[in-house]
Amino acid sequence: MTSSPPPAELTPAQAEVVGRAADAIRQHAAECEAAQDVTPGAAAALSGSGYTRLAVPEDRGGLGANLSQFARAQLTLGAADASLALILAMHGQVTGAAFQGRTLPEPLLKVVAEAGVRGELLNALASEPELGSPSRGGLPQTHAAPQGESFEGGGWQITGRKTWSTGVRALHWALVTATTPDGQVGRYWVDLHGPGVQIEETWQGALALRGSGSHDVVFTDAPTTLHAPPAPGQPASSAWFWTAIAATYLGVGFAALDAISAYARVRVPTALGAPIATLPRIQENVGRTAGALHAARALLLESAARWDADPSATSVPGIGAAKAHAANAAVFATDLASRTAGGAALSAALPLEKLLRDARAGLTHPPTDDTAYTALGRQILEN
């Protein structure tokens, strides 16, 4: 593997909106966790933070973040709260891939940029109950019926059900994957505040990410006039999505490191008469946790920098491996932090039980460990 340029630091303008977004997340995370949904206040705060502009190019009114800067931003947000950070992550990865990788045609690029500048959140809705994640192929059962006489210039009506719709109550727009009558798959720009859209509350009692409100969305003849071909296997889509996932959950791991470090400094058992931070075993656990997280962070930022240096690359196995490594590092960190805290980790007085649950969700996002590491190994062995 050759050397790569250092990952880009955030610009002052980018850092400002990241700070506002992190503040909004910290302010509303607890209420969303309790509601097991995105509250109206949280939705307004996320939209108003300015984060929707982060990956929009500067010449279209945005802040022009590249993949490295997006990774740094999501590391900060993930440490604040995974549920709400993931909503902004999904908006950012769709936007960043669209512009850096030109994964959407110009009419859709225009409305994506305009939505970001207005502070309107969006996501790509592709998963379905029967299909599961579309990452392994298969035709969506959601279908798009052409309605040439129903819309000015022609259009479609979307009917079907999408699952795992992250942050749907906070979203204004969705790119919905659907199949046409002749078996063609496309992505359709749908106004989630428009007709034919219903949210079904299916996310209550989730193990993790309770505050994300990742409910099902049911479309019944929902109208749209904008669409694009699908982008399966498009390198930019993979690079931005995998980075969004890796950075967000790695942030969860760093939050666990901060939590156990703070607890170890103030926990003074009677028999010890000193903080447990003075114990070699505690120091070892904290050191192991920090080592795993910083290694994963280094791999992620190096992989993102490689992509930024050559965004025309035809494959991104390094970023896939970085996602797998980051997700596992977050699980390791939250588990070891909980073991280190002992029984106190089971109490809501510490954030560790929530961090432990949220970190597990990172393992469910593609690519899976076997796919990610096999792709990286193949690239190394073939070169």
Protein backbone atom coordinates (compact mmCIF):
# COMPACT_ATOMS: atom_id res chain seq x y z
CA MET A 1 0.00 0.00 0.00
CA THR A 2 1.39 3.37 -1.00
CA SER A 3 1.43 6.50 1.10
CA SER A 4 -1.54 8.84 1.02
CA PRO A 5 -1.98 12.56 1.75
CA PRO A 6 -3.00 13.48 5.28
CA PRO A 7 -6.76 13.69 5.87
CA ALA A 8 -8.17 17.17 5.59
CA GLU A 9 -8.93 19.12 8.74
CA LEU A 10 -12.30 20.84 9.05
CA THR A 11 -12.49 24.42 7.85
CA PRO A 12 -13.67 27.03 10.39
CA ALA A 13 -17.10 27.16 8.74
CA GLN A 14 -17.40 23.37 8.76
CA ALA A 15 -16.26 23.17 12.38
CA GLU A 16 -18.91 25.72 13.33
CA VAL A 17 -21.82 23.71 11.92
CA VAL A 18 -20.41 20.47 13.34
CA GLY A 19 -20.31 22.13 16.75
CA ARG A 20 -23.89 23.34 16.40
CA ALA A 21 -25.02 19.89 15.29
CA ALA A 22 -23.26 18.23 18.23
CA ASP A 23 -24.86 20.69 20.63
CA ALA A 24 -28.30 19.98 19.12
CA ILE A 25 -27.72 16.25 19.45
CA ARG A 26 -26.64 16.48 23.08
CA GLN A 27 -29.62 18.70 23.90
CA HIS A 28 -32.23 16.37 22.41
CA ALA A 29 -30.72 12.86 22.64
CA ALA A 30 -32.29 11.93 25.97
CA GLU A 31 -35.80 13.02 24.99
CA CYS A 32 -35.58 11.07 21.72
CA GLU A 33 -34.31 7.98 23.54
CA ALA A 34 -37.24 8.22 25.98
CA ALA A 35 -39.77 8.80 23.19
CA GLN A 36 -38.16 6.08 21.04
CA ASP A 37 -38.58 8.50 18.17
CA VAL A 38 -37.29 11.78 16.80
CA THR A 39 -39.16 14.54 18.61
CA PRO A 40 -40.27 17.69 16.75
CA GLY A 41 -37.77 19.73 18.74
CA ALA A 42 -34.92 17.41 17.78
CA ALA A 43 -35.93 17.45 14.12
CA ALA A 44 -35.98 21.24 14.08
CA ALA A 45 -32.62 21.46 15.86
CA LEU A 46 -30.92 19.05 13.47
CA SER A 47 -32.28 20.88 10.44
CA GLY A 48 -31.40 24.27 11.89
CA SER A 49 -27.81 23.35 12.74
CA GLY A 50 -26.61 23.95 9.19
CA TYR A 51 -25.16 20.44 8.93
CA THR A 52 -27.28 19.72 5.86
CA ARG A 53 -24.92 22.06 3.93
CA LEU A 54 -21.74 20.22 4.94
CA ALA A 55 -21.22 18.08 1.83
CA VAL A 56 -22.92 20.43 -0.63
CA PRO A 57 -20.30 22.03 -2.92
CA GLU A 58 -19.36 25.61 -2.19
CA ASP A 59 -20.46 26.78 -5.63
CA ARG A 60 -23.95 25.51 -4.82
CA GLY A 61 -24.19 27.24 -1.45
CA GLY A 62 -22.65 24.53 0.73
CA LEU A 63 -19.49 23.97 2.75
CA GLY A 64 -17.77 21.60 0.33
CA ALA A 65 -16.67 18.85 2.74
CA ASN A 66 -14.70 15.99 1.23
CA LEU A 67 -14.77 12.44 2.58
CA SER A 68 -12.02 13.01 5.15
CA GLN A 69 -13.80 16.05 6.55
CA PHE A 70 -17.09 14.18 6.64
CA ALA A 71 -15.41 11.39 8.60
CA ARG A 72 -14.06 13.84 11.16
CA ALA A 73 -17.47 15.45 11.48
CA GLN A 74 -19.27 12.17 12.08
CA LEU A 75 -16.71 11.07 14.67
CA THR A 76 -17.73 14.13 16.70
CA LEU A 77 -21.45 13.59 16.22
CA GLY A 78 -21.29 9.86 16.97
CA ALA A 79 -19.66 10.61 20.32
CA ALA A 80 -22.61 12.91 21.13
CA ASP A 81 -25.31 10.30 20.37
CA ALA A 82 -25.52 7.57 17.77
CA SER A 83 -29.24 7.80 17.03
CA LEU A 84 -29.34 11.44 16.03
CA ALA A 85 -25.84 11.39 14.55
CA LEU A 86 -26.92 8.63 12.19
CA ILE A 87 -29.71 10.82 10.80
CA LEU A 88 -27.18 13.46 9.81
CA ALA A 89 -24.79 10.75 8.61
CA MET A 90 -27.37 9.46 6.15
CA HIS A 91 -28.05 12.93 4.80
CA GLY A 92 -24.33 13.58 4.46
CA GLN A 93 -23.45 10.34 2.72
CA VAL A 94 -26.21 10.70 0.11
CA THR A 95 -25.22 14.30 -0.56
CA GLY A 96 -21.47 13.71 -0.60
CA ALA A 97 -21.64 10.72 -2.93
CA ALA A 98 -24.04 12.53 -5.24
CA PHE A 99 -21.67 15.41 -5.84
CA GLN A 100 -18.21 13.88 -5.44
CA GLY A 101 -19.14 10.73 -7.34
CA ARG A 102 -21.84 12.18 -9.62
CA THR A 103 -24.17 9.37 -8.63
CA LEU A 104 -27.25 11.45 -9.54
CA PRO A 105 -28.18 13.32 -12.73
CA GLU A 106 -28.12 17.12 -12.73
CA PRO A 107 -31.86 17.68 -12.08
CA LEU A 108 -31.56 15.66 -8.87
CA LEU A 109 -28.24 17.24 -7.93
CA LYS A 110 -29.99 20.59 -8.14
CA VAL A 111 -32.80 19.66 -5.75
CA VAL A 112 -30.40 17.88 -3.35
CA ALA A 113 -28.27 21.01 -3.12
CA GLU A 114 -31.31 23.25 -2.67
CA ALA A 115 -32.68 21.01 0.07
CA GLY A 116 -29.36 21.09 1.90
CA VAL A 117 -29.10 24.87 1.72
CA ARG A 118 -32.66 25.18 3.07
CA GLY A 119 -31.88 22.83 5.94
CA GLU A 120 -34.16 20.04 4.72
CA LEU A 121 -32.98 16.55 5.68
CA LEU A 122 -33.04 13.64 3.25
CA ASN A 123 -32.21 9.95 3.17
CA ALA A 124 -32.14 7.09 0.70
CA LEU A 125 -34.86 4.51 1.46
CA ALA A 126 -34.00 1.12 -0.02
CA SER A 127 -34.47 -1.67 2.55
CA GLU A 128 -37.73 -3.65 2.61
CA PRO A 129 -39.24 -6.39 4.82
CA GLU A 130 -38.76 -9.18 2.26
CA LEU A 131 -35.71 -7.79 0.48
CA GLY A 132 -33.77 -6.80 3.57
CA SER A 133 -30.76 -4.66 2.71
CA PRO A 134 -30.32 -4.25 -1.06
CA SER A 135 -26.55 -4.63 -0.69
CA ARG A 136 -26.73 -8.30 -1.70
CA GLY A 137 -28.99 -7.74 -4.69
CA GLY A 138 -32.64 -8.44 -5.45
CA LEU A 139 -35.50 -6.39 -6.89
CA PRO A 140 -37.47 -4.13 -4.56
CA GLN A 141 -41.17 -4.85 -4.26
CA THR A 142 -41.85 -1.14 -4.07
CA HIS A 143 -42.91 -0.19 -7.57
CA ALA A 144 -43.07 2.96 -9.67
CA ALA A 145 -46.04 3.28 -12.01
CA PRO A 146 -45.64 5.77 -14.88
CA GLN A 147 -48.30 8.46 -14.86
CA GLY A 148 -47.57 10.51 -17.96
CA GLU A 149 -50.90 12.32 -17.98
CA SER A 150 -51.02 12.98 -14.23
CA PHE A 151 -48.02 15.29 -14.01
CA GLU A 152 -46.70 18.18 -15.98
CA GLY A 153 -44.01 16.64 -18.15
CA GLY A 154 -44.81 13.13 -16.94
CA GLY A 155 -44.12 11.42 -13.66
CA TRP A 156 -44.60 8.34 -11.49
CA GLN A 157 -46.53 7.08 -8.52
CA ILE A 158 -44.66 5.10 -5.86
CA THR A 159 -46.31 2.26 -3.94
CA GLY A 160 -44.64 -0.02 -1.42
CA ARG A 161 -43.07 -0.26 2.03
CA LYS A 162 -39.58 0.70 3.21
CA THR A 163 -38.00 -0.39 6.49
CA TRP A 164 -35.19 0.97 8.67
CA SER A 165 -36.03 4.51 7.55
CA THR A 166 -33.53 6.28 9.77
CA GLY A 167 -34.88 9.47 11.30
CA VAL A 168 -37.96 9.51 9.10
CA ARG A 169 -39.87 12.04 11.19
CA ALA A 170 -37.02 14.50 10.73
CA LEU A 171 -36.80 13.98 6.96
CA HIS A 172 -38.32 16.13 4.27
CA TRP A 173 -37.18 14.15 1.23
CA ALA A 174 -36.32 10.58 0.30
CA LEU A 175 -34.66 8.86 -2.62
CA VAL A 176 -36.88 5.78 -2.82
CA THR A 177 -35.69 2.69 -4.69
CA ALA A 178 -38.49 1.18 -6.76
CA THR A 179 -39.05 -1.20 -9.68
CA THR A 180 -40.90 -0.22 -12.86
CA PRO A 181 -43.38 -2.55 -14.63
CA ASP A 182 -40.66 -3.61 -17.08
CA GLY A 183 -38.30 -4.65 -14.29
CA GLN A 184 -36.06 -1.58 -14.26
CA VAL A 185 -34.92 -0.25 -10.89
CA GLY A 186 -34.60 3.46 -10.21
CA ARG A 187 -34.44 5.97 -7.37
CA TYR A 188 -37.34 8.38 -7.05
CA TRP A 189 -37.33 11.77 -5.30
CA VAL A 190 -40.34 11.78 -2.97
CA ASP A 191 -41.65 14.55 -0.71
CA LEU A 192 -42.28 12.79 2.61
CA HIS A 193 -44.65 15.61 3.59
CA GLY A 194 -46.68 15.06 0.44
CA PRO A 195 -49.67 12.81 -0.36
CA GLY A 196 -49.47 9.03 -0.30
CA VAL A 197 -46.87 8.81 2.50
CA GLN A 198 -47.59 7.20 5.86
CA ILE A 199 -45.23 6.44 8.73
CA GLU A 200 -45.90 3.23 10.67
CA GLU A 201 -44.33 3.14 14.14
CA THR A 202 -42.38 -0.11 14.01
CA TRP A 203 -39.26 0.96 15.92
CA GLN A 204 -40.50 0.81 19.52
CA GLY A 205 -38.52 -1.50 21.78
CA ALA A 206 -35.49 -1.62 19.50
CA LEU A 207 -32.30 -2.92 21.06
CA ALA A 208 -30.25 0.02 19.82
CA LEU A 209 -30.64 3.47 18.27
CA ARG A 210 -34.00 3.94 19.94
CA GLY A 211 -33.98 7.67 19.38
CA SER A 212 -33.47 7.34 15.62
CA GLY A 213 -37.14 6.57 14.97
CA SER A 214 -36.25 4.18 12.14
CA HIS A 215 -39.86 3.31 11.38
CA ASP A 216 -41.42 1.81 8.27
CA VAL A 217 -42.72 4.12 5.57
CA VAL A 218 -45.69 3.07 3.45
CA PHE A 219 -46.12 4.70 0.04
CA THR A 220 -49.49 4.60 -1.70
CA ASP A 221 -49.42 6.27 -5.12
CA ALA A 222 -46.99 8.88 -3.80
CA PRO A 223 -46.27 11.28 -6.68
CA THR A 224 -42.85 12.24 -8.04
CA THR A 225 -41.45 13.76 -11.21
CA LEU A 226 -37.72 13.21 -10.59
CA HIS A 227 -35.85 9.95 -10.76
CA ALA A 228 -32.42 8.46 -11.42
CA PRO A 229 -31.01 5.07 -12.34
CA PRO A 230 -29.80 2.98 -9.40
CA ALA A 231 -26.17 3.06 -8.39
CA PRO A 232 -25.43 -0.47 -7.10
CA GLY A 233 -21.75 -0.97 -6.55
CA GLN A 234 -20.99 2.68 -7.39
CA PRO A 235 -17.69 3.34 -5.61
CA ALA A 236 -18.62 6.82 -4.38
CA SER A 237 -21.84 5.53 -2.85
CA SER A 238 -19.94 2.81 -1.01
CA ALA A 239 -17.16 5.15 0.09
CA TRP A 240 -19.50 7.72 1.62
CA PHE A 241 -21.93 5.22 3.15
CA TRP A 242 -19.22 3.06 4.72
CA THR A 243 -17.45 6.15 6.04
CA ALA A 244 -20.69 7.46 7.53
CA ILE A 245 -21.20 4.20 9.38
CA ALA A 246 -17.59 3.76 10.46
CA ALA A 247 -17.17 7.27 11.83
CA THR A 248 -20.51 7.40 13.62
CA TYR A 249 -20.03 4.15 15.53
CA LEU A 250 -16.39 4.85 16.19
CA GLY A 251 -17.61 8.02 17.87
CA VAL A 252 -19.71 5.80 20.14
CA GLY A 253 -16.56 3.91 21.10
CA PHE A 254 -14.73 7.12 21.96
CA ALA A 255 -17.71 8.20 24.09
CA ALA A 256 -17.31 4.97 26.05
CA LEU A 257 -13.60 5.66 26.51
CA ASP A 258 -14.39 9.12 27.85
CA ALA A 259 -17.09 7.74 30.16
CA ILE A 260 -14.96 5.01 31.72
CA SER A 261 -11.98 7.36 32.08
CA ALA A 262 -14.09 9.93 33.91
CA TYR A 263 -15.65 7.25 36.14
CA ALA A 264 -12.27 5.72 37.00
CA ARG A 265 -10.95 9.07 38.17
CA VAL A 266 -13.79 9.66 40.65
CA ARG A 267 -14.68 6.13 41.82
CA VAL A 268 -13.01 5.62 45.21
CA PRO A 269 -13.90 2.27 46.85
CA THR A 270 -13.69 2.30 50.64
CA ALA A 271 -11.22 -0.58 50.73
CA LEU A 272 -8.92 1.12 48.24
CA GLY A 273 -9.02 4.66 49.53
CA ALA A 274 -7.97 5.99 46.12
CA PRO A 275 -9.55 6.28 42.66
CA ILE A 276 -9.69 3.04 40.73
CA ALA A 277 -7.75 4.89 38.03
CA THR A 278 -4.66 4.08 40.11
CA LEU A 279 -5.11 0.32 39.62
CA PRO A 280 -2.93 -1.34 36.94
CA ARG A 281 -5.84 -3.47 35.73
CA ILE A 282 -8.01 -0.41 35.13
CA GLN A 283 -5.13 1.36 33.41
CA GLU A 284 -4.59 -1.67 31.16
CA ASN A 285 -8.27 -1.80 30.18
CA VAL A 286 -8.37 1.89 29.38
CA GLY A 287 -5.15 1.54 27.40
CA ARG A 288 -6.49 -1.40 25.42
CA THR A 289 -9.67 0.53 24.68
CA ALA A 290 -7.79 3.61 23.54
CA GLY A 291 -5.43 1.55 21.40
CA ALA A 292 -8.26 -0.19 19.55
CA LEU A 293 -10.14 3.04 18.91
CA HIS A 294 -7.17 5.08 17.75
CA ALA A 295 -6.05 2.29 15.42
CA ALA A 296 -9.50 2.14 13.86
CA ARG A 297 -9.60 5.92 13.57
CA ALA A 298 -6.22 5.99 11.83
CA LEU A 299 -7.32 3.34 9.31
CA LEU A 300 -10.55 5.20 8.60
CA LEU A 301 -8.91 8.58 8.06
CA GLU A 302 -6.12 7.10 5.95
CA SER A 303 -8.66 5.28 3.78
CA ALA A 304 -10.78 8.42 3.40
CA ALA A 305 -7.69 10.44 2.44
CA ARG A 306 -6.83 7.88 -0.23
CA TRP A 307 -10.30 8.25 -1.68
CA ASP A 308 -10.09 12.05 -1.67
CA ALA A 309 -6.78 11.81 -3.52
CA ASP A 310 -8.40 9.66 -6.22
CA PRO A 311 -12.23 9.87 -6.13
CA SER A 312 -12.33 8.20 -9.55
CA ALA A 313 -11.16 4.90 -8.04
CA THR A 314 -13.14 1.89 -9.17
CA SER A 315 -13.12 0.15 -5.77
CA VAL A 316 -12.79 1.10 -2.11
CA PRO A 317 -11.81 -2.05 -0.16
CA GLY A 318 -9.79 -0.01 2.31
CA ILE A 319 -12.87 1.91 3.38
CA GLY A 320 -14.88 -1.30 3.63
CA ALA A 321 -12.25 -2.77 5.94
CA ALA A 322 -12.17 0.49 7.89
CA LYS A 323 -15.92 0.20 8.46
CA ALA A 324 -15.60 -3.37 9.70
CA HIS A 325 -12.64 -2.48 11.92
CA ALA A 326 -14.41 0.59 13.33
CA ALA A 327 -17.63 -1.26 14.13
CA ASN A 328 -15.76 -4.02 15.93
CA ALA A 329 -13.59 -1.50 17.77
CA ALA A 330 -16.71 0.27 19.01
CA VAL A 331 -18.19 -3.01 20.25
CA PHE A 332 -14.90 -3.92 21.94
CA ALA A 333 -14.59 -0.48 23.54
CA THR A 334 -18.12 -0.36 24.94
CA ASP A 335 -17.90 -3.93 26.20
CA LEU A 336 -14.53 -3.49 27.90
CA ALA A 337 -15.62 -0.15 29.38
CA SER A 338 -18.70 -1.84 30.83
CA ARG A 339 -16.64 -4.71 32.24
CA THR A 340 -14.25 -2.19 33.77
CA ALA A 341 -17.03 -0.24 35.47
CA GLY A 342 -18.60 -3.43 36.82
CA GLY A 343 -22.11 -3.26 38.20
CA ALA A 344 -22.20 0.52 37.82
CA ALA A 345 -22.35 0.03 34.06
CA LEU A 346 -25.84 -1.44 34.39
CA SER A 347 -27.20 1.78 35.85
CA ALA A 348 -28.49 4.73 33.87
CA ALA A 349 -26.20 6.87 36.04
CA LEU A 350 -23.48 5.98 33.54
CA PRO A 351 -24.04 6.11 29.76
CA LEU A 352 -22.32 2.76 29.22
CA GLU A 353 -25.39 0.54 28.90
CA LYS A 354 -26.77 2.76 26.12
CA LEU A 355 -23.40 3.00 24.40
CA LEU A 356 -23.07 -0.78 24.59
CA ARG A 357 -26.44 -1.24 22.90
CA ASP A 358 -25.87 1.39 20.25
CA ALA A 359 -22.43 0.09 19.30
CA ARG A 360 -23.91 -3.31 18.44
CA ALA A 361 -25.93 -1.74 15.64
CA GLY A 362 -22.75 -0.94 13.74
CA LEU A 363 -22.25 -4.63 13.02
CA THR A 364 -25.56 -4.85 11.13
CA HIS A 365 -24.68 -2.31 8.44
CA PRO A 366 -22.98 -3.47 5.26
CA PRO A 367 -20.36 -4.47 4.47
CA THR A 368 -20.15 -7.49 6.75
CA ASP A 369 -16.76 -8.41 8.17
CA ASP A 370 -16.22 -11.31 5.76
CA THR A 371 -17.05 -9.23 2.70
CA ALA A 372 -14.96 -6.25 3.82
CA TYR A 373 -11.80 -8.12 4.76
CA THR A 374 -11.99 -10.49 1.79
CA ALA A 375 -12.16 -7.51 -0.59
CA LEU A 376 -9.12 -5.88 1.01
CA GLY A 377 -7.18 -9.15 1.03
CA ARG A 378 -8.00 -9.77 -2.60
CA GLN A 379 -6.77 -6.32 -3.58
CA ILE A 380 -3.49 -6.81 -1.72
CA LEU A 381 -2.90 -10.29 -3.17
CA GLU A 382 -3.70 -9.26 -6.73
CA ASN A 383 -1.30 -6.30 -6.72
